[in-house]
Amino acid sequence: MSSATQMGIEYNIRYQPRDRAAWESFVARLSNPVSHGWPAFSIELSDDGIYFCDNGRSDEAAVALRRILDEALSHAEEVVIEVR
């Protein structure tokens, strides 16, 4: 989890990408606009999986979360999502 205090809806997606460089390239292509000083979402790869925080319930965050899940499911038969 990011050291910054998050104010949105937090998810832990239990999935580990096998190819970290491909994962970072995928994340870099996600649209993450900044509004009022906050990005639409925060994302971080950790030992527990993918930490994702929807910082404001924006359309961009919803699309990004869906794309992350689709990407994970294209490499794994099952992906577990925990909402914090």
Protein backbone atom coordinates (compact mmCIF):
# COMPACT_ATOMS: atom_id res chain seq x y z
CA MET A 1 0.00 0.00 0.00
CA SER A 2 1.17 3.49 -0.71
CA SER A 3 2.54 5.48 2.18
CA ALA A 4 0.22 8.37 1.32
CA THR A 5 -3.14 8.39 3.08
CA GLN A 6 -5.85 7.38 0.63
CA MET A 7 -9.39 8.68 0.81
CA GLY A 8 -11.12 6.52 -1.81
CA ILE A 9 -12.26 2.95 -2.17
CA GLU A 10 -9.33 0.57 -1.77
CA TYR A 11 -9.00 -2.81 -3.45
CA ASN A 12 -6.43 -5.56 -3.19
CA ILE A 13 -6.41 -7.70 -6.31
CA ARG A 14 -4.78 -11.05 -5.54
CA TYR A 15 -2.78 -11.47 -8.73
CA GLN A 16 0.94 -11.32 -9.46
CA PRO A 17 1.99 -10.46 -13.02
CA ARG A 18 4.75 -12.79 -14.24
CA ASP A 19 6.37 -10.16 -16.44
CA ARG A 20 6.94 -7.01 -14.39
CA ALA A 21 8.12 -4.93 -17.38
CA ALA A 22 4.97 -5.83 -19.35
CA TRP A 23 2.87 -4.98 -16.29
CA GLU A 24 4.52 -1.57 -15.89
CA SER A 25 3.98 -0.87 -19.59
CA PHE A 26 0.30 -1.83 -19.23
CA VAL A 27 -0.15 0.48 -16.21
CA ALA A 28 1.58 3.36 -18.03
CA ARG A 29 -1.05 3.15 -20.78
CA LEU A 30 -3.98 3.58 -18.37
CA SER A 31 -5.63 7.01 -18.45
CA ASN A 32 -5.24 8.57 -14.99
CA PRO A 33 -6.23 12.25 -15.10
CA VAL A 34 -5.58 14.56 -12.18
CA SER A 35 -8.46 16.58 -10.76
CA HIS A 36 -8.21 18.95 -7.77
CA GLY A 37 -4.64 17.74 -7.22
CA TRP A 38 -5.56 14.02 -7.05
CA PRO A 39 -5.14 11.36 -9.73
CA ALA A 40 -8.29 9.40 -10.57
CA PHE A 41 -6.72 6.31 -9.03
CA SER A 42 -3.59 4.99 -7.36
CA ILE A 43 -2.05 1.66 -8.23
CA GLU A 44 0.86 -0.23 -6.75
CA LEU A 45 2.24 -3.73 -7.17
CA SER A 46 2.99 -5.35 -3.80
CA ASP A 47 3.78 -8.80 -2.42
CA ASP A 48 0.04 -9.23 -1.74
CA GLY A 49 -0.98 -8.41 -5.30
CA ILE A 50 -2.18 -5.22 -6.91
CA TYR A 51 -3.25 -2.37 -4.64
CA PHE A 52 -5.78 -0.13 -6.39
CA CYS A 53 -7.47 2.92 -4.90
CA ASP A 54 -10.33 4.68 -6.67
CA ASN A 55 -9.70 8.21 -5.45
CA GLY A 56 -13.02 9.72 -6.49
CA ARG A 57 -15.33 7.27 -8.21
CA SER A 58 -14.52 8.63 -11.62
CA ASP A 59 -15.26 6.97 -14.94
CA GLU A 60 -11.49 6.73 -15.56
CA ALA A 61 -10.98 4.78 -12.32
CA ALA A 62 -13.83 2.41 -13.16
CA VAL A 63 -12.42 1.78 -16.64
CA ALA A 64 -8.91 1.28 -15.25
CA LEU A 65 -10.13 -1.21 -12.64
CA ARG A 66 -12.00 -3.17 -15.31
CA ARG A 67 -8.95 -3.20 -17.59
CA ILE A 68 -6.74 -4.40 -14.71
CA LEU A 69 -9.17 -7.23 -13.96
CA ASP A 70 -9.40 -8.18 -17.63
CA GLU A 71 -5.59 -8.19 -17.88
CA ALA A 72 -5.26 -10.37 -14.77
CA LEU A 73 -7.93 -12.80 -15.98
CA SER A 74 -6.19 -13.14 -19.34
CA HIS A 75 -3.24 -14.69 -17.43
CA ALA A 76 -4.98 -16.50 -14.56
CA GLU A 77 -8.09 -18.63 -14.19
CA GLU A 78 -9.12 -16.92 -10.97
CA VAL A 79 -8.52 -13.48 -9.48
CA VAL A 80 -9.61 -12.60 -5.95
CA ILE A 81 -10.64 -9.01 -5.15
CA GLU A 82 -10.72 -7.71 -1.60
CA VAL A 83 -12.36 -4.37 -0.82
CA ARG A 84 -10.88 -2.58 2.19
